[in-house]
Amino acid sequence: MNLVKSKQRVADHGEVFTPAWMVEAMLNLVKDETERIDSRFLEPACGSGYFLMQVLRRKLTAVELKFGKSDFEKRHYSLLGLMCIYGIELLPDNIVECRKNMLDILAEYLKLGESSDLYRAATYVLTENLVHGDALTMRASDGQPITFAEWGYLGKGKFQRRDFRFDVLTGSSAFSTEGSLFAHLGKHEIFTPTKTYPPTTVVELAAESMQKDVAQLPKDAE
Protein backbone atom coordinates (compact mmCIF):
# COMPACT_ATOMS: atom_id res chain seq x y z
CA MET A 1 0.00 0.00 0.00
CA ASN A 2 1.35 3.40 -1.01
CA LEU A 3 1.15 5.67 2.04
CA VAL A 4 1.51 8.91 0.04
CA LYS A 5 -0.29 9.89 -3.18
CA SER A 6 1.85 12.96 -3.74
CA LYS A 7 4.17 15.21 -1.77
CA GLN A 8 1.95 18.16 -2.66
CA ARG A 9 -1.06 16.53 -1.02
CA VAL A 10 1.01 15.86 2.08
CA ALA A 11 2.04 19.53 2.17
CA ASP A 12 -1.45 20.88 1.45
CA HIS A 13 -3.58 18.49 3.51
CA GLY A 14 -1.25 16.38 5.67
CA GLU A 15 -2.47 13.33 3.76
CA VAL A 16 -0.62 10.16 4.76
CA PHE A 17 -2.36 6.79 4.76
CA THR A 18 -2.16 4.35 7.66
CA PRO A 19 -0.28 1.09 6.94
CA ALA A 20 -2.33 -2.12 6.98
CA TRP A 21 -0.57 -3.61 10.03
CA MET A 22 -1.36 -0.51 12.08
CA VAL A 23 -5.00 -0.56 10.97
CA GLU A 24 -5.31 -4.15 12.19
CA ALA A 25 -3.55 -3.39 15.46
CA MET A 26 -5.80 -0.43 16.20
CA LEU A 27 -8.98 -2.34 15.36
CA ASN A 28 -7.87 -5.20 17.59
CA LEU A 29 -8.03 -2.77 20.51
CA VAL A 30 -11.83 -2.79 20.03
CA LYS A 31 -12.03 -6.27 18.55
CA ASP A 32 -15.42 -7.19 19.97
CA GLU A 33 -17.02 -4.05 18.54
CA THR A 34 -15.52 -4.61 15.09
CA GLU A 35 -17.09 -8.05 15.04
CA ARG A 36 -20.57 -6.88 16.06
CA ILE A 37 -22.78 -6.35 13.02
CA ASP A 38 -24.69 -3.35 14.37
CA SER A 39 -21.83 -1.51 16.11
CA ARG A 40 -21.28 1.96 14.63
CA PHE A 41 -17.92 3.27 13.44
CA LEU A 42 -17.05 6.78 12.26
CA GLU A 43 -13.74 7.70 10.61
CA PRO A 44 -13.59 11.54 10.50
CA ALA A 45 -10.74 11.56 7.95
CA CYS A 46 -11.47 8.33 6.10
CA GLY A 47 -9.28 8.87 3.02
CA SER A 48 -9.75 5.92 0.65
CA GLY A 49 -11.32 3.87 3.42
CA TYR A 50 -8.58 1.54 4.70
CA PHE A 51 -9.94 1.56 8.27
CA LEU A 52 -13.56 1.31 7.15
CA MET A 53 -12.83 -1.49 4.68
CA GLN A 54 -11.34 -3.63 7.43
CA VAL A 55 -14.28 -2.90 9.73
CA LEU A 56 -16.66 -4.00 6.96
CA ARG A 57 -14.70 -7.19 6.35
CA ARG A 58 -14.91 -8.05 10.04
CA LYS A 59 -18.63 -7.36 10.12
CA LEU A 60 -19.20 -9.57 7.06
CA THR A 61 -17.28 -12.36 8.74
CA ALA A 62 -19.71 -12.05 11.66
CA VAL A 63 -22.63 -12.11 9.22
CA GLU A 64 -21.33 -15.31 7.65
CA LEU A 65 -20.97 -16.99 11.04
CA LYS A 66 -24.47 -16.03 12.20
CA PHE A 67 -26.55 -15.96 9.03
CA GLY A 68 -24.51 -17.77 6.38
CA LYS A 69 -27.13 -20.50 5.93
CA SER A 70 -29.95 -18.06 5.13
CA ASP A 71 -29.50 -16.04 1.94
CA PHE A 72 -32.26 -13.62 2.92
CA GLU A 73 -30.82 -12.88 6.35
CA LYS A 74 -27.25 -12.81 5.07
CA ARG A 75 -28.08 -10.18 2.46
CA HIS A 76 -30.04 -7.95 4.83
CA TYR A 77 -27.61 -8.18 7.74
CA SER A 78 -24.70 -7.52 5.38
CA LEU A 79 -26.42 -4.31 4.32
CA LEU A 80 -26.99 -3.47 8.00
CA GLY A 81 -23.27 -3.92 8.64
CA LEU A 82 -22.55 -1.45 5.86
CA MET A 83 -25.20 0.93 7.19
CA CYS A 84 -23.38 1.15 10.54
CA ILE A 85 -20.13 2.46 9.03
CA TYR A 86 -19.58 6.20 8.54
CA GLY A 87 -16.86 8.43 7.18
CA ILE A 88 -16.00 12.04 6.41
CA GLU A 89 -13.36 13.03 3.87
CA LEU A 90 -12.18 16.43 2.68
CA LEU A 91 -10.74 15.44 -0.71
CA PRO A 92 -13.29 14.57 -3.43
CA ASP A 93 -11.25 11.85 -5.18
CA ASN A 94 -10.70 10.06 -1.87
CA ILE A 95 -14.39 9.93 -0.96
CA VAL A 96 -15.26 8.54 -4.40
CA GLU A 97 -12.58 5.89 -4.02
CA CYS A 98 -13.71 5.09 -0.49
CA ARG A 99 -17.30 4.49 -1.57
CA LYS A 100 -16.13 2.28 -4.44
CA ASN A 101 -13.83 0.25 -2.20
CA MET A 102 -16.61 -0.39 0.31
CA LEU A 103 -19.10 -1.28 -2.41
CA ASP A 104 -16.65 -3.68 -4.04
CA ILE A 105 -16.17 -5.57 -0.77
CA LEU A 106 -19.92 -5.99 -0.23
CA ALA A 107 -20.55 -6.91 -3.87
CA GLU A 108 -17.80 -9.52 -3.84
CA TYR A 109 -19.08 -11.11 -0.65
CA LEU A 110 -22.71 -11.28 -1.80
CA LYS A 111 -21.85 -11.80 -5.50
CA LEU A 112 -23.90 -8.78 -6.53
CA GLY A 113 -24.26 -7.46 -10.06
CA GLU A 114 -24.40 -3.70 -10.61
CA SER A 115 -28.03 -3.91 -11.72
CA SER A 116 -29.24 -5.73 -8.59
CA ASP A 117 -31.45 -3.91 -6.10
CA LEU A 118 -29.10 -4.68 -3.22
CA TYR A 119 -26.12 -3.22 -5.11
CA ARG A 120 -28.08 -0.04 -5.81
CA ALA A 121 -29.35 0.12 -2.23
CA ALA A 122 -25.79 -0.18 -0.93
CA THR A 123 -24.72 2.56 -3.34
CA TYR A 124 -27.37 4.85 -1.88
CA VAL A 125 -26.39 4.03 1.70
CA LEU A 126 -22.74 4.83 0.95
CA THR A 127 -23.61 8.24 -0.52
CA GLU A 128 -25.45 9.02 2.73
CA ASN A 129 -22.92 7.51 5.17
CA LEU A 130 -19.63 8.53 3.55
CA VAL A 131 -19.69 12.31 3.38
CA HIS A 132 -17.57 14.67 1.32
CA GLY A 133 -16.91 17.39 3.86
CA ASP A 134 -14.76 18.72 6.69
CA ALA A 135 -14.92 17.01 10.09
CA LEU A 136 -13.40 20.09 11.77
CA THR A 137 -16.08 22.51 10.60
CA MET A 138 -18.69 19.71 10.64
CA ARG A 139 -19.98 20.89 7.27
CA ALA A 140 -20.40 19.04 4.00
CA SER A 141 -18.78 20.24 0.77
CA ASP A 142 -21.95 22.21 -0.07
CA GLY A 143 -21.60 24.20 3.16
CA GLN A 144 -24.53 22.53 4.90
CA PRO A 145 -24.16 20.91 8.35
CA ILE A 146 -23.13 17.27 8.07
CA THR A 147 -26.06 14.97 8.73
CA PHE A 148 -25.75 11.23 9.29
CA ALA A 149 -28.42 8.59 8.85
CA GLU A 150 -28.90 6.17 11.73
CA TRP A 151 -30.07 2.89 10.21
CA GLY A 152 -31.71 0.06 12.07
CA TYR A 153 -32.98 -3.32 10.90
CA LEU A 154 -36.56 -4.08 11.94
CA GLY A 155 -36.54 -7.60 10.54
CA LYS A 156 -38.43 -9.14 7.61
CA GLY A 157 -36.55 -6.97 5.11
CA LYS A 158 -37.49 -3.62 6.68
CA PHE A 159 -35.04 -0.88 7.68
CA GLN A 160 -35.63 2.24 9.76
CA ARG A 161 -33.80 5.52 9.17
CA ARG A 162 -33.41 8.56 11.43
CA ASP A 163 -31.20 11.56 10.59
CA PHE A 164 -28.98 13.36 13.11
CA ARG A 165 -26.78 16.43 12.78
CA PHE A 166 -23.12 15.64 13.41
CA ASP A 167 -22.45 18.87 15.32
CA VAL A 168 -25.36 18.19 17.67
CA LEU A 169 -24.21 14.63 18.35
CA THR A 170 -20.67 15.81 18.99
CA GLY A 171 -21.71 18.64 21.26
CA SER A 172 -24.21 16.57 23.20
CA SER A 173 -21.55 14.05 24.18
CA ALA A 174 -20.26 16.68 26.62
CA PHE A 175 -23.70 17.04 28.18
CA SER A 176 -23.72 13.45 29.44
CA THR A 177 -20.30 13.70 31.10
CA GLU A 178 -20.55 12.76 34.76
CA GLY A 179 -20.64 15.84 36.96
CA SER A 180 -21.56 18.22 34.14
CA LEU A 181 -24.43 20.66 34.34
CA PHE A 182 -26.46 18.57 31.89
CA ALA A 183 -25.63 15.10 33.23
CA HIS A 184 -29.22 14.68 34.44
CA LEU A 185 -30.67 14.95 30.93
CA GLY A 186 -32.00 11.74 29.45
CA LYS A 187 -30.88 10.51 26.05
CA HIS A 188 -34.34 11.24 24.70
CA GLU A 189 -33.75 14.94 25.42
CA ILE A 190 -30.32 15.05 23.77
CA PHE A 191 -30.37 12.78 20.76
CA THR A 192 -33.32 14.19 18.85
CA PRO A 193 -33.39 13.27 15.15
CA THR A 194 -33.83 16.00 12.56
CA LYS A 195 -35.97 13.63 10.52
CA THR A 196 -37.50 10.18 10.92
CA TYR A 197 -38.43 8.13 7.86
CA PRO A 198 -41.05 5.42 7.44
CA PRO A 199 -39.71 1.84 7.31
CA THR A 200 -38.10 1.06 3.97
CA THR A 201 -36.96 -1.94 1.95
CA VAL A 202 -33.98 -2.79 -0.26
CA VAL A 203 -36.11 -2.17 -3.35
CA GLU A 204 -37.13 1.27 -2.10
CA LEU A 205 -33.52 2.17 -1.24
CA ALA A 206 -32.47 1.06 -4.71
CA ALA A 207 -35.11 3.39 -6.17
CA GLU A 208 -33.69 6.24 -4.08
CA SER A 209 -30.27 5.56 -5.60
CA MET A 210 -31.65 5.74 -9.13
CA GLN A 211 -33.48 8.99 -8.37
CA LYS A 212 -30.29 10.48 -6.97
CA ASP A 213 -28.41 9.50 -10.13
CA VAL A 214 -31.03 11.19 -12.30
CA ALA A 215 -30.98 14.32 -10.14
CA GLN A 216 -27.21 14.63 -10.63
CA LEU A 217 -27.39 14.43 -14.41
CA PRO A 218 -26.80 17.66 -16.38
CA LYS A 219 -30.08 19.22 -17.44
CA ASP A 220 -29.38 18.64 -21.14
CA ALA A 221 -28.70 14.94 -20.46
CA GLU A 222 -32.07 14.19 -18.83
C-alpha atoms as a PDB file:
ATOM      1  CA  MET A   1       0.000   0.000   0.000  1.00  0.00           C
ATOM      2  CA  ASN A   2       1.347   3.403  -1.013  1.00  0.00           C
ATOM      3  CA  LEU A   3       1.145   5.671   2.039  1.00  0.00           C
ATOM      4  CA  VAL A   4       1.509   8.908   0.044  1.00  0.00           C
ATOM      5  CA  LYS A   5      -0.293   9.889  -3.184  1.00  0.00           C
ATOM      6  CA  SER A   6       1.852  12.957  -3.744  1.00  0.00           C
ATOM      7  CA  LYS A   7       4.169  15.207  -1.768  1.00  0.00           C
ATOM      8  CA  GLN A   8       1.951  18.156  -2.660  1.00  0.00           C
ATOM      9  CA  ARG A   9      -1.061  16.531  -1.024  1.00  0.00           C
ATOM     10  CA  VAL A  10       1.006  15.863   2.078  1.00  0.00           C
ATOM     11  CA  ALA A  11       2.041  19.525   2.168  1.00  0.00           C
ATOM     12  CA  ASP A  12      -1.454  20.879   1.455  1.00  0.00           C
ATOM     13  CA  HIS A  13      -3.578  18.490   3.508  1.00  0.00           C
ATOM     14  CA  GLY A  14      -1.249  16.384   5.665  1.00  0.00           C
ATOM     15  CA  GLU A  15      -2.470  13.329   3.756  1.00  0.00           C
ATOM     16  CA  VAL A  16      -0.620  10.159   4.759  1.00  0.00           C
ATOM     17  CA  PHE A  17      -2.359   6.789   4.762  1.00  0.00           C
ATOM     18  CA  THR A  18      -2.161   4.347   7.663  1.00  0.00           C
ATOM     19  CA  PRO A  19      -0.278   1.094   6.943  1.00  0.00           C
ATOM     20  CA  ALA A  20      -2.329  -2.120   6.984  1.00  0.00           C
ATOM     21  CA  TRP A  21      -0.569  -3.613  10.027  1.00  0.00           C
ATOM     22  CA  MET A  22      -1.362  -0.512  12.077  1.00  0.00           C
ATOM     23  CA  VAL A  23      -4.999  -0.556  10.967  1.00  0.00           C
ATOM     24  CA  GLU A  24      -5.312  -4.148  12.186  1.00  0.00           C
ATOM     25  CA  ALA A  25      -3.546  -3.395  15.463  1.00  0.00           C
ATOM     26  CA  MET A  26      -5.805  -0.428  16.197  1.00  0.00           C
ATOM     27  CA  LEU A  27      -8.981  -2.339  15.357  1.00  0.00           C
ATOM     28  CA  ASN A  28      -7.875  -5.197  17.591  1.00  0.00           C
ATOM     29  CA  LEU A  29      -8.034  -2.769  20.507  1.00  0.00           C
ATOM     30  CA  VAL A  30     -11.828  -2.788  20.028  1.00  0.00           C
ATOM     31  CA  LYS A  31     -12.029  -6.272  18.547  1.00  0.00           C
ATOM     32  CA  ASP A  32     -15.417  -7.192  19.974  1.00  0.00           C
ATOM     33  CA  GLU A  33     -17.017  -4.051  18.544  1.00  0.00           C
ATOM     34  CA  THR A  34     -15.521  -4.606  15.087  1.00  0.00           C
ATOM     35  CA  GLU A  35     -17.095  -8.053  15.036  1.00  0.00           C
ATOM     36  CA  ARG A  36     -20.569  -6.875  16.059  1.00  0.00           C
ATOM     37  CA  ILE A  37     -22.780  -6.348  13.016  1.00  0.00           C
ATOM     38  CA  ASP A  38     -24.692  -3.346  14.371  1.00  0.00           C
ATOM     39  CA  SER A  39     -21.829  -1.509  16.111  1.00  0.00           C
ATOM     40  CA  ARG A  40     -21.284   1.956  14.629  1.00  0.00           C
ATOM     41  CA  PHE A  41     -17.924   3.275  13.440  1.00  0.00           C
ATOM     42  CA  LEU A  42     -17.054   6.784  12.256  1.00  0.00           C
ATOM     43  CA  GLU A  43     -13.741   7.698  10.614  1.00  0.00           C
ATOM     44  CA  PRO A  44     -13.587  11.544  10.500  1.00  0.00           C
ATOM     45  CA  ALA A  45     -10.743  11.562   7.952  1.00  0.00           C
ATOM     46  CA  CYS A  46     -11.470   8.333   6.099  1.00  0.00           C
ATOM     47  CA  GLY A  47      -9.282   8.866   3.018  1.00  0.00           C
ATOM     48  CA  SER A  48      -9.749   5.923   0.648  1.00  0.00           C
ATOM     49  CA  GLY A  49     -11.318   3.872   3.415  1.00  0.00           C
ATOM     50  CA  TYR A  50      -8.580   1.541   4.695  1.00  0.00           C
ATOM     51  CA  PHE A  51      -9.944   1.563   8.266  1.00  0.00           C
ATOM     52  CA  LEU A  52     -13.559   1.308   7.153  1.00  0.00           C
ATOM     53  CA  MET A  53     -12.826  -1.486   4.679  1.00  0.00           C
ATOM     54  CA  GLN A  54     -11.339  -3.635   7.431  1.00  0.00           C
ATOM     55  CA  VAL A  55     -14.282  -2.904   9.726  1.00  0.00           C
ATOM     56  CA  LEU A  56     -16.662  -4.000   6.962  1.00  0.00           C
ATOM     57  CA  ARG A  57     -14.702  -7.194   6.346  1.00  0.00           C
ATOM     58  CA  ARG A  58     -14.911  -8.053  10.040  1.00  0.00           C
ATOM     59  CA  LYS A  59     -18.631  -7.361  10.116  1.00  0.00           C
ATOM     60  CA  LEU A  60     -19.200  -9.565   7.061  1.00  0.00           C
ATOM     61  CA  THR A  61     -17.276 -12.360   8.743  1.00  0.00           C
ATOM     62  CA  ALA A  62     -19.708 -12.047  11.658  1.00  0.00           C
ATOM     63  CA  VAL A  63     -22.629 -12.112   9.222  1.00  0.00           C
ATOM     64  CA  GLU A  64     -21.329 -15.308   7.651  1.00  0.00           C
ATOM     65  CA  LEU A  65     -20.972 -16.993  11.044  1.00  0.00           C
ATOM     66  CA  LYS A  66     -24.473 -16.031  12.203  1.00  0.00           C
ATOM     67  CA  PHE A  67     -26.555 -15.958   9.029  1.00  0.00           C
ATOM     68  CA  GLY A  68     -24.508 -17.771   6.382  1.00  0.00           C
ATOM     69  CA  LYS A  69     -27.133 -20.496   5.929  1.00  0.00           C
ATOM     70  CA  SER A  70     -29.952 -18.059   5.128  1.00  0.00           C
ATOM     71  CA  ASP A  71     -29.495 -16.044   1.940  1.00  0.00           C
ATOM     72  CA  PHE A  72     -32.262 -13.620   2.919  1.00  0.00           C
ATOM     73  CA  GLU A  73     -30.823 -12.881   6.347  1.00  0.00           C
ATOM     74  CA  LYS A  74     -27.254 -12.811   5.067  1.00  0.00           C
ATOM     75  CA  ARG A  75     -28.079 -10.178   2.462  1.00  0.00           C
ATOM     76  CA  HIS A  76     -30.037  -7.947   4.829  1.00  0.00           C
ATOM     77  CA  TYR A  77     -27.605  -8.183   7.742  1.00  0.00           C
ATOM     78  CA  SER A  78     -24.697  -7.525   5.378  1.00  0.00           C
ATOM     79  CA  LEU A  79     -26.422  -4.312   4.319  1.00  0.00           C
ATOM     80  CA  LEU A  80     -26.990  -3.466   7.997  1.00  0.00           C
ATOM     81  CA  GLY A  81     -23.273  -3.919   8.643  1.00  0.00           C
ATOM     82  CA  LEU A  82     -22.546  -1.447   5.860  1.00  0.00           C
ATOM     83  CA  MET A  83     -25.198   0.927   7.191  1.00  0.00           C
ATOM     84  CA  CYS A  84     -23.385   1.147  10.537  1.00  0.00           C
ATOM     85  CA  ILE A  85     -20.132   2.456   9.032  1.00  0.00           C
ATOM     86  CA  TYR A  86     -19.584   6.200   8.537  1.00  0.00           C
ATOM     87  CA  GLY A  87     -16.855   8.428   7.177  1.00  0.00           C
ATOM     88  CA  ILE A  88     -16.005  12.042   6.408  1.00  0.00           C
ATOM     89  CA  GLU A  89     -13.359  13.027   3.869  1.00  0.00           C
ATOM     90  CA  LEU A  90     -12.177  16.430   2.682  1.00  0.00           C
ATOM     91  CA  LEU A  91     -10.739  15.438  -0.709  1.00  0.00           C
ATOM     92  CA  PRO A  92     -13.287  14.570  -3.427  1.00  0.00           C
ATOM     93  CA  ASP A  93     -11.247  11.851  -5.179  1.00  0.00           C
ATOM     94  CA  ASN A  94     -10.704  10.061  -1.870  1.00  0.00           C
ATOM     95  CA  ILE A  95     -14.388   9.931  -0.962  1.00  0.00           C
ATOM     96  CA  VAL A  96     -15.263   8.544  -4.400  1.00  0.00           C
ATOM     97  CA  GLU A  97     -12.581   5.890  -4.022  1.00  0.00           C
ATOM     98  CA  CYS A  98     -13.706   5.089  -0.486  1.00  0.00           C
ATOM     99  CA  ARG A  99     -17.299   4.495  -1.572  1.00  0.00           C
ATOM    100  CA  LYS A 100     -16.129   2.284  -4.437  1.00  0.00           C
ATOM    101  CA  ASN A 101     -13.833   0.253  -2.200  1.00  0.00           C
ATOM    102  CA  MET A 102     -16.607  -0.389   0.306  1.00  0.00           C
ATOM    103  CA  LEU A 103     -19.102  -1.282  -2.405  1.00  0.00           C
ATOM    104  CA  ASP A 104     -16.654  -3.676  -4.043  1.00  0.00           C
ATOM    105  CA  ILE A 105     -16.173  -5.567  -0.775  1.00  0.00           C
ATOM    106  CA  LEU A 106     -19.919  -5.989  -0.233  1.00  0.00           C
ATOM    107  CA  ALA A 107     -20.548  -6.907  -3.869  1.00  0.00           C
ATOM    108  CA  GLU A 108     -17.802  -9.521  -3.844  1.00  0.00           C
ATOM    109  CA  TYR A 109     -19.080 -11.114  -0.646  1.00  0.00           C
ATOM    110  CA  LEU A 110     -22.706 -11.282  -1.798  1.00  0.00           C
ATOM    111  CA  LYS A 111     -21.851 -11.802  -5.505  1.00  0.00           C
ATOM    112  CA  LEU A 112     -23.900  -8.775  -6.534  1.00  0.00           C
ATOM    113  CA  GLY A 113     -24.260  -7.456 -10.057  1.00  0.00           C
ATOM    114  CA  GLU A 114     -24.399  -3.704 -10.613  1.00  0.00           C
ATOM    115  CA  SER A 115     -28.026  -3.909 -11.715  1.00  0.00           C
ATOM    116  CA  SER A 116     -29.239  -5.725  -8.590  1.00  0.00           C
ATOM    117  CA  ASP A 117     -31.452  -3.910  -6.100  1.00  0.00           C
ATOM    118  CA  LEU A 118     -29.104  -4.680  -3.219  1.00  0.00           C
ATOM    119  CA  TYR A 119     -26.124  -3.220  -5.110  1.00  0.00           C
ATOM    120  CA  ARG A 120     -28.084  -0.035  -5.815  1.00  0.00           C
ATOM    121  CA  ALA A 121     -29.352   0.118  -2.233  1.00  0.00           C
ATOM    122  CA  ALA A 122     -25.792  -0.178  -0.935  1.00  0.00           C
ATOM    123  CA  THR A 123     -24.720   2.564  -3.338  1.00  0.00           C
ATOM    124  CA  TYR A 124     -27.366   4.854  -1.884  1.00  0.00           C
ATOM    125  CA  VAL A 125     -26.385   4.032   1.704  1.00  0.00           C
ATOM    126  CA  LEU A 126     -22.745   4.831   0.951  1.00  0.00           C
ATOM    127  CA  THR A 127     -23.610   8.240  -0.517  1.00  0.00           C
ATOM    128  CA  GLU A 128     -25.448   9.017   2.732  1.00  0.00           C
ATOM    129  CA  ASN A 129     -22.921   7.514   5.174  1.00  0.00           C
ATOM    130  CA  LEU A 130     -19.630   8.526   3.546  1.00  0.00           C
ATOM    131  CA  VAL A 131     -19.694  12.306   3.381  1.00  0.00           C
ATOM    132  CA  HIS A 132     -17.568  14.671   1.320  1.00  0.00           C
ATOM    133  CA  GLY A 133     -16.910  17.387   3.864  1.00  0.00           C
ATOM    134  CA  ASP A 134     -14.763  18.722   6.693  1.00  0.00           C
ATOM    135  CA  ALA A 135     -14.923  17.014  10.089  1.00  0.00           C
ATOM    136  CA  LEU A 136     -13.397  20.091  11.773  1.00  0.00           C
ATOM    137  CA  THR A 137     -16.079  22.508  10.596  1.00  0.00           C
ATOM    138  CA  MET A 138     -18.689  19.712  10.636  1.00  0.00           C
ATOM    139  CA  ARG A 139     -19.979  20.894   7.273  1.00  0.00           C
ATOM    140  CA  ALA A 140     -20.397  19.042   3.997  1.00  0.00           C
ATOM    141  CA  SER A 141     -18.785  20.237   0.773  1.00  0.00           C
ATOM    142  CA  ASP A 142     -21.949  22.209  -0.071  1.00  0.00           C
ATOM    143  CA  GLY A 143     -21.597  24.202   3.165  1.00  0.00           C
ATOM    144  CA  GLN A 144     -24.533  22.532   4.898  1.00  0.00           C
ATOM    145  CA  PRO A 145     -24.156  20.914   8.347  1.00  0.00           C
ATOM    146  CA  ILE A 146     -23.131  17.269   8.074  1.00  0.00           C
ATOM    147  CA  THR A 147     -26.062  14.968   8.732  1.00  0.00           C
ATOM    148  CA  PHE A 148     -25.752  11.233   9.287  1.00  0.00           C
ATOM    149  CA  ALA A 149     -28.418   8.590   8.850  1.00  0.00           C
ATOM    150  CA  GLU A 150     -28.898   6.174  11.727  1.00  0.00           C
ATOM    151  CA  TRP A 151     -30.069   2.895  10.211  1.00  0.00           C
ATOM    152  CA  GLY A 152     -31.710   0.056  12.069  1.00  0.00           C
ATOM    153  CA  TYR A 153     -32.977  -3.322  10.903  1.00  0.00           C
ATOM    154  CA  LEU A 154     -36.557  -4.082  11.939  1.00  0.00           C
ATOM    155  CA  GLY A 155     -36.537  -7.602  10.536  1.00  0.00           C
ATOM    156  CA  LYS A 156     -38.434  -9.142   7.609  1.00  0.00           C
ATOM    157  CA  GLY A 157     -36.550  -6.971   5.115  1.00  0.00           C
ATOM    158  CA  LYS A 158     -37.490  -3.621   6.677  1.00  0.00           C
ATOM    159  CA  PHE A 159     -35.043  -0.883   7.680  1.00  0.00           C
ATOM    160  CA  GLN A 160     -35.630   2.243   9.765  1.00  0.00           C
ATOM    161  CA  ARG A 161     -33.799   5.519   9.167  1.00  0.00           C
ATOM    162  CA  ARG A 162     -33.415   8.565  11.425  1.00  0.00           C
ATOM    163  CA  ASP A 163     -31.201  11.560  10.587  1.00  0.00           C
ATOM    164  CA  PHE A 164     -28.985  13.362  13.111  1.00  0.00           C
ATOM    165  CA  ARG A 165     -26.778  16.427  12.779  1.00  0.00           C
ATOM    166  CA  PHE A 166     -23.122  15.640  13.406  1.00  0.00           C
ATOM    167  CA  ASP A 167     -22.453  18.867  15.320  1.00  0.00           C
ATOM    168  CA  VAL A 168     -25.363  18.189  17.667  1.00  0.00           C
ATOM    169  CA  LEU A 169     -24.214  14.629  18.349  1.00  0.00           C
ATOM    170  CA  THR A 170     -20.666  15.814  18.986  1.00  0.00           C
ATOM    171  CA  GLY A 171     -21.714  18.643  21.258  1.00  0.00           C
ATOM    172  CA  SER A 172     -24.208  16.573  23.199  1.00  0.00           C
ATOM    173  CA  SER A 173     -21.551  14.048  24.180  1.00  0.00           C
ATOM    174  CA  ALA A 174     -20.260  16.676  26.625  1.00  0.00           C
ATOM    175  CA  PHE A 175     -23.704  17.038  28.182  1.00  0.00           C
ATOM    176  CA  SER A 176     -23.723  13.451  29.445  1.00  0.00           C
ATOM    177  CA  THR A 177     -20.303  13.697  31.103  1.00  0.00           C
ATOM    178  CA  GLU A 178     -20.551  12.764  34.759  1.00  0.00           C
ATOM    179  CA  GLY A 179     -20.642  15.843  36.956  1.00  0.00           C
ATOM    180  CA  SER A 180     -21.556  18.217  34.137  1.00  0.00           C
ATOM    181  CA  LEU A 181     -24.428  20.663  34.342  1.00  0.00           C
ATOM    182  CA  PHE A 182     -26.462  18.572  31.885  1.00  0.00           C
ATOM    183  CA  ALA A 183     -25.634  15.095  33.228  1.00  0.00           C
ATOM    184  CA  HIS A 184     -29.223  14.678  34.440  1.00  0.00           C
ATOM    185  CA  LEU A 185     -30.667  14.946  30.929  1.00  0.00           C
ATOM    186  CA  GLY A 186     -32.002  11.736  29.454  1.00  0.00           C
ATOM    187  CA  LYS A 187     -30.880  10.514  26.049  1.00  0.00           C
ATOM    188  CA  HIS A 188     -34.336  11.241  24.696  1.00  0.00           C
ATOM    189  CA  GLU A 189     -33.746  14.939  25.423  1.00  0.00           C
ATOM    190  CA  ILE A 190     -30.321  15.048  23.773  1.00  0.00           C
ATOM    191  CA  PHE A 191     -30.373  12.778  20.761  1.00  0.00           C
ATOM    192  CA  THR A 192     -33.322  14.190  18.851  1.00  0.00           C
ATOM    193  CA  PRO A 193     -33.393  13.272  15.151  1.00  0.00           C
ATOM    194  CA  THR A 194     -33.828  15.999  12.563  1.00  0.00           C
ATOM    195  CA  LYS A 195     -35.966  13.633  10.521  1.00  0.00           C
ATOM    196  CA  THR A 196     -37.504  10.183  10.923  1.00  0.00           C
ATOM    197  CA  TYR A 197     -38.434   8.133   7.865  1.00  0.00           C
ATOM    198  CA  PRO A 198     -41.049   5.415   7.442  1.00  0.00           C
ATOM    199  CA  PRO A 199     -39.710   1.841   7.314  1.00  0.00           C
ATOM    200  CA  THR A 200     -38.102   1.059   3.973  1.00  0.00           C
ATOM    201  CA  THR A 201     -36.959  -1.943   1.949  1.00  0.00           C
ATOM    202  CA  VAL A 202     -33.982  -2.789  -0.255  1.00  0.00           C
ATOM    203  CA  VAL A 203     -36.115  -2.174  -3.352  1.00  0.00           C
ATOM    204  CA  GLU A 204     -37.126   1.267  -2.101  1.00  0.00           C
ATOM    205  CA  LEU A 205     -33.525   2.172  -1.235  1.00  0.00           C
ATOM    206  CA  ALA A 206     -32.474   1.063  -4.712  1.00  0.00           C
ATOM    207  CA  ALA A 207     -35.105   3.388  -6.169  1.00  0.00           C
ATOM    208  CA  GLU A 208     -33.687   6.244  -4.079  1.00  0.00           C
ATOM    209  CA  SER A 209     -30.272   5.561  -5.595  1.00  0.00           C
ATOM    210  CA  MET A 210     -31.654   5.742  -9.130  1.00  0.00           C
ATOM    211  CA  GLN A 211     -33.485   8.991  -8.367  1.00  0.00           C
ATOM    212  CA  LYS A 212     -30.291  10.479  -6.973  1.00  0.00           C
ATOM    213  CA  ASP A 213     -28.405   9.495 -10.128  1.00  0.00           C
ATOM    214  CA  VAL A 214     -31.031  11.186 -12.297  1.00  0.00           C
ATOM    215  CA  ALA A 215     -30.984  14.321 -10.139  1.00  0.00           C
ATOM    216  CA  GLN A 216     -27.212  14.626 -10.633  1.00  0.00           C
ATOM    217  CA  LEU A 217     -27.388  14.431 -14.413  1.00  0.00           C
ATOM    218  CA  PRO A 218     -26.795  17.659 -16.376  1.00  0.00           C
ATOM    219  CA  LYS A 219     -30.080  19.219 -17.442  1.00  0.00           C
ATOM    220  CA  ASP A 220     -29.377  18.645 -21.138  1.00  0.00           C
ATOM    221  CA  ALA A 221     -28.701  14.939 -20.463  1.00  0.00           C
ATOM    222  CA  GLU A 222     -32.075  14.188 -18.834  1.00  0.00           C
END
